[in-house]
């Protein structure tokens, strides 16, 4: 009975608008998404992914945004992923074309054997396409930030042997972010993307990139069908691991706004 319940809950992905625009005028916005898959029998597979987002205005010209996600995967009762990621931003005057931001990230990664990773920094965002000025409600933003990162691995046995002396890899980074949301074919399709490239300022072979791309098609007023593709790359990984990961998921978007 429990397996049937899990199958029913996980085979039908539920998404609630995974990308919040901090420049919107609403004082509070929140979302949560759940997706997954379960298969029993000769091959047992369990995949679960949850993501939430929230923005609110602590002061008149300030906006705080937090995005938190969790991924769990198990194949043949062997855990493959159990990862947590928390992205937190504080924006000042985000309704302007240029505005500053502060950021703080915390994450873990079971597959990559990362016990804890923290990253704190500041930067600036430029709105190339402003939703409030574009009648089609499209928006495109580019950000440039600088951060200090601390990463603690479970062991010091890396694909790049010069890092084998210590389980902790700390460095200053800079990050180029590109985020967008576009309504196409008379709003019959929405294309969304969140991407970044993050090199170290001290170590030329220490960099990563991340791309999250989604297409949505309206089904009813507050429901869209969604296709989501996530791909990540890290140049420094534990020896024997692949540097790239990718996920392709399908589901529904439930929107309250």
Protein backbone atom coordinates (compact mmCIF):
# COMPACT_ATOMS: atom_id res chain seq x y z
CA UNK A 1 0.00 0.00 0.00
CA UNK A 2 2.81 2.40 0.90
CA UNK A 3 4.59 1.72 -2.41
CA UNK A 4 1.39 2.47 -4.34
CA UNK A 5 1.03 5.70 -2.40
CA UNK A 6 4.63 6.69 -3.16
CA UNK A 7 4.16 5.81 -6.80
CA UNK A 8 1.04 7.99 -7.01
CA UNK A 9 2.74 10.91 -5.26
CA UNK A 10 6.03 10.76 -7.16
CA UNK A 11 5.06 9.74 -10.69
CA UNK A 12 2.97 12.92 -11.05
CA UNK A 13 5.37 15.87 -10.79
CA UNK A 14 4.01 19.08 -9.25
CA UNK A 15 5.75 22.38 -9.83
CA UNK A 16 4.76 25.82 -8.57
CA UNK A 17 6.61 28.43 -10.62
CA UNK A 18 10.29 27.72 -9.95
CA UNK A 19 11.65 31.13 -10.94
CA UNK A 20 10.59 34.23 -8.98
CA UNK A 21 11.39 37.70 -10.32
CA UNK A 22 12.59 39.90 -7.45
CA UNK A 23 11.64 43.03 -9.42
CA UNK A 24 7.92 42.24 -9.20
CA UNK A 25 5.90 44.73 -7.16
CA UNK A 26 4.20 42.16 -4.89
CA UNK A 27 5.41 42.37 -1.28
CA UNK A 28 5.33 38.59 -0.81
CA UNK A 29 5.56 35.63 -3.21
CA UNK A 30 6.17 31.97 -2.46
CA UNK A 31 6.27 28.67 -4.33
CA UNK A 32 7.06 25.00 -3.81
CA UNK A 33 7.76 22.22 -6.31
CA UNK A 34 7.88 18.44 -5.97
CA UNK A 35 8.76 15.91 -8.64
CA UNK A 36 9.89 12.31 -8.68
CA UNK A 37 9.62 8.77 -9.94
CA UNK A 38 9.29 5.36 -8.30
CA UNK A 39 9.67 1.95 -9.93
CA UNK A 40 9.45 -1.43 -8.18
CA UNK A 41 9.96 -5.03 -9.18
CA UNK A 42 13.16 -6.35 -10.72
CA UNK A 43 14.75 -2.89 -10.65
CA UNK A 44 13.83 -0.56 -7.79
CA UNK A 45 14.29 3.13 -8.49
CA UNK A 46 13.33 6.16 -6.41
CA UNK A 47 13.93 9.75 -7.54
CA UNK A 48 12.66 12.71 -5.53
CA UNK A 49 13.24 16.42 -6.15
CA UNK A 50 11.77 19.31 -4.15
CA UNK A 51 12.28 23.05 -4.64
CA UNK A 52 10.83 26.10 -2.91
CA UNK A 53 11.16 29.84 -3.41
CA UNK A 54 10.08 32.93 -1.53
CA UNK A 55 10.50 36.70 -1.80
CA UNK A 56 9.42 39.40 0.64
CA UNK A 57 10.22 43.05 1.36
CA UNK A 58 11.73 43.55 4.85
CA UNK A 59 12.00 47.29 4.08
CA UNK A 60 10.56 49.60 1.42
CA UNK A 61 13.41 49.38 -1.13
CA UNK A 62 14.85 46.00 -0.08
CA UNK A 63 13.82 42.53 -1.31
CA UNK A 64 14.96 39.21 0.18
CA UNK A 65 14.76 36.08 -2.00
CA UNK A 66 15.49 32.51 -0.93
CA UNK A 67 15.47 29.37 -3.09
CA UNK A 68 15.94 25.97 -1.46
CA UNK A 69 16.09 22.56 -3.11
CA UNK A 70 16.61 18.91 -2.17
CA UNK A 71 17.39 15.97 -4.44
CA UNK A 72 17.28 12.29 -3.45
CA UNK A 73 17.98 9.31 -5.73
CA UNK A 74 18.16 5.61 -4.94
CA UNK A 75 18.81 2.74 -7.36
CA UNK A 76 18.47 -0.86 -6.18
CA UNK A 77 18.25 0.42 -2.58
CA UNK A 78 21.66 2.09 -3.01
CA UNK A 79 21.62 5.84 -2.32
CA UNK A 80 22.99 7.85 -5.26
CA UNK A 81 22.07 11.42 -4.28
CA UNK A 82 21.04 13.27 -1.15
CA UNK A 83 21.77 16.93 -1.82
CA UNK A 84 20.62 20.20 -0.27
CA UNK A 85 21.06 23.66 -1.78
CA UNK A 86 20.05 27.01 -0.27
CA UNK A 87 20.44 30.20 -2.37
CA UNK A 88 19.77 33.49 -0.56
CA UNK A 89 19.80 37.01 -2.01
CA UNK A 90 19.21 40.51 -0.66
CA UNK A 91 18.46 43.14 -3.32
CA UNK A 92 18.38 46.94 -2.97
CA UNK A 93 16.03 48.87 -5.30
CA UNK A 94 15.41 45.88 -7.65
CA UNK A 95 12.84 47.91 -9.65
CA UNK A 96 15.71 49.90 -11.19
CA UNK A 97 17.74 48.87 -14.26
CA UNK A 98 20.92 48.63 -12.14
CA UNK A 99 20.77 47.46 -8.53
CA UNK A 100 23.18 45.93 -5.97
CA UNK A 101 22.77 42.56 -4.29
CA UNK A 102 24.23 40.48 -1.47
CA UNK A 103 24.23 36.68 -1.57
CA UNK A 104 24.86 33.67 0.63
CA UNK A 105 24.77 29.99 -0.40
CA UNK A 106 24.99 26.77 1.58
CA UNK A 107 24.98 23.28 0.00
CA UNK A 108 25.84 19.60 0.45
CA UNK A 109 26.35 16.91 -2.20
CA UNK A 110 26.37 13.18 -1.47
CA UNK A 111 27.55 12.00 -4.90
CA UNK A 112 30.41 14.50 -5.07
CA UNK A 113 31.27 13.82 -1.41
CA UNK A 114 30.92 17.47 -0.39
CA UNK A 115 30.19 17.66 3.34
CA UNK A 116 29.47 21.40 3.32
CA UNK A 117 29.99 24.29 0.92
CA UNK A 118 29.37 27.93 1.81
CA UNK A 119 29.70 31.01 -0.36
CA UNK A 120 29.15 34.69 0.50
CA UNK A 121 29.52 37.78 -1.66
CA UNK A 122 28.08 40.86 -3.33
CA UNK A 123 27.56 42.26 -6.82
CA UNK A 124 25.27 44.11 -9.21
CA UNK A 125 22.38 43.20 -11.55
CA UNK A 126 21.40 44.85 -14.84
CA UNK A 127 17.92 44.36 -16.34
CA UNK A 128 18.44 44.05 -20.10
CA UNK A 129 14.70 43.51 -20.64
CA UNK A 130 12.48 45.00 -17.93
CA UNK A 131 9.16 43.21 -17.34
CA UNK A 132 7.49 46.44 -16.16
CA UNK A 133 8.33 48.14 -19.48
CA UNK A 134 7.80 45.18 -21.83
CA UNK A 135 4.14 44.61 -22.76
CA UNK A 136 4.80 40.91 -23.40
CA UNK A 137 5.96 40.53 -19.75
CA UNK A 138 9.35 39.18 -20.85
CA UNK A 139 12.45 39.81 -18.74
CA UNK A 140 16.19 39.21 -19.02
CA UNK A 141 18.82 39.96 -16.38
CA UNK A 142 22.58 39.71 -16.16
CA UNK A 143 24.52 39.86 -12.89
CA UNK A 144 28.17 39.99 -11.94
CA UNK A 145 29.16 39.05 -8.38
CA UNK A 146 32.25 38.31 -6.33
CA UNK A 147 32.33 35.69 -3.55
CA UNK A 148 34.49 33.85 -1.07
CA UNK A 149 33.86 30.10 -1.06
CA UNK A 150 34.71 27.39 1.46
CA UNK A 151 34.25 23.73 0.45
CA UNK A 152 34.90 20.74 2.71
CA UNK A 153 35.12 17.34 1.01
CA UNK A 154 34.90 13.95 2.73
CA UNK A 155 38.34 12.98 1.42
CA UNK A 156 41.32 14.55 -0.36
CA UNK A 157 41.62 12.39 -3.48
CA UNK A 158 40.82 14.59 -6.45
CA UNK A 159 40.92 14.30 -10.24
CA UNK A 160 43.42 17.21 -10.19
CA UNK A 161 46.22 15.86 -8.01
CA UNK A 162 47.60 19.28 -6.97
CA UNK A 163 44.56 19.61 -4.65
CA UNK A 164 45.20 16.31 -2.83
CA UNK A 165 46.94 17.93 0.16
CA UNK A 166 43.75 19.09 1.90
CA UNK A 167 40.05 18.17 2.09
CA UNK A 168 39.23 21.89 2.25
CA UNK A 169 39.36 23.99 -0.92
CA UNK A 170 38.79 27.70 -0.28
CA UNK A 171 38.96 30.42 -2.94
CA UNK A 172 37.69 33.79 -4.13
CA UNK A 173 35.36 33.54 -7.11
CA UNK A 174 33.54 35.74 -9.56
CA UNK A 175 30.18 34.70 -11.07
CA UNK A 176 28.39 35.70 -14.26
CA UNK A 177 24.63 35.07 -14.01
CA UNK A 178 22.09 35.15 -16.87
CA UNK A 179 18.38 34.70 -16.01
CA UNK A 180 15.41 35.12 -18.33
CA UNK A 181 11.70 34.50 -18.85
CA UNK A 182 10.05 34.78 -22.28
CA UNK A 183 6.45 34.36 -23.49
CA UNK A 184 6.42 33.00 -27.06
CA UNK A 185 3.79 32.22 -29.72
CA UNK A 186 1.20 34.55 -28.18
CA UNK A 187 1.92 33.17 -24.71
CA UNK A 188 1.30 29.58 -25.79
CA UNK A 189 4.81 28.70 -24.62
CA UNK A 190 7.07 30.14 -21.91
CA UNK A 191 10.84 29.67 -22.04
CA UNK A 192 12.84 30.11 -18.81
CA UNK A 193 16.52 29.86 -18.06
CA UNK A 194 18.81 30.29 -15.05
CA UNK A 195 22.52 30.00 -15.82
CA UNK A 196 25.87 30.89 -14.27
CA UNK A 197 29.61 30.52 -14.89
CA UNK A 198 31.77 30.61 -11.75
CA UNK A 199 35.59 30.62 -12.09
CA UNK A 200 38.10 30.97 -9.26
CA UNK A 201 40.10 34.21 -9.18
CA UNK A 202 43.12 32.35 -7.77
CA UNK A 203 43.12 28.93 -9.47
CA UNK A 204 42.71 28.80 -13.26
CA UNK A 205 41.60 25.13 -13.31
CA UNK A 206 38.96 25.62 -10.59
CA UNK A 207 35.61 26.56 -12.12
CA UNK A 208 32.04 25.39 -12.50
CA UNK A 209 28.91 26.16 -14.53
CA UNK A 210 25.22 25.47 -14.10
CA UNK A 211 22.26 25.69 -16.52
CA UNK A 212 18.57 25.18 -15.72
CA UNK A 213 16.29 25.49 -18.76
CA UNK A 214 12.52 24.98 -18.83
CA UNK A 215 9.63 25.17 -21.30
CA UNK A 216 6.03 25.56 -20.17
CA UNK A 217 2.80 25.15 -22.11
CA UNK A 218 -0.54 26.38 -20.68
CA UNK A 219 -3.14 23.71 -19.97
CA UNK A 220 -5.62 25.67 -17.85
CA UNK A 221 -5.62 29.15 -16.33
CA UNK A 222 -3.27 28.31 -13.45
CA UNK A 223 -1.76 25.06 -14.78
CA UNK A 224 1.08 24.57 -17.28
CA UNK A 225 2.78 21.46 -18.62
CA UNK A 226 6.53 21.75 -17.96
CA UNK A 227 9.73 20.25 -19.39
CA UNK A 228 12.84 20.95 -17.31
CA UNK A 229 16.50 20.26 -18.13
CA UNK A 230 19.28 20.79 -15.57
CA UNK A 231 23.00 20.37 -16.34
CA UNK A 232 25.95 21.07 -14.04
CA UNK A 233 29.74 20.90 -14.34
CA UNK A 234 32.53 21.06 -11.75
CA UNK A 235 36.20 21.00 -12.75
CA UNK A 236 37.40 19.63 -9.37
CA UNK A 237 35.77 16.36 -8.29
CA UNK A 238 36.77 13.29 -6.31
CA UNK A 239 39.01 10.99 -8.42
CA UNK A 240 36.95 8.59 -10.55
CA UNK A 241 33.84 10.78 -10.65
CA UNK A 242 32.43 12.42 -13.76
CA UNK A 243 32.52 16.20 -13.86
CA UNK A 244 29.04 16.64 -15.38
CA UNK A 245 25.56 15.80 -14.12
CA UNK A 246 22.24 16.27 -15.92
CA UNK A 247 18.54 15.82 -15.12
CA UNK A 248 15.52 15.83 -17.45
CA UNK A 249 12.09 16.03 -15.78
CA UNK A 250 8.48 16.48 -16.89
CA UNK A 251 5.55 17.76 -14.89
CA UNK A 252 2.98 20.43 -14.17
CA UNK A 253 3.27 24.00 -13.00
CA UNK A 254 0.62 25.22 -10.56
CA UNK A 255 0.46 29.01 -10.27
CA UNK A 256 -1.47 31.19 -7.85
CA UNK A 257 -0.57 34.44 -9.64
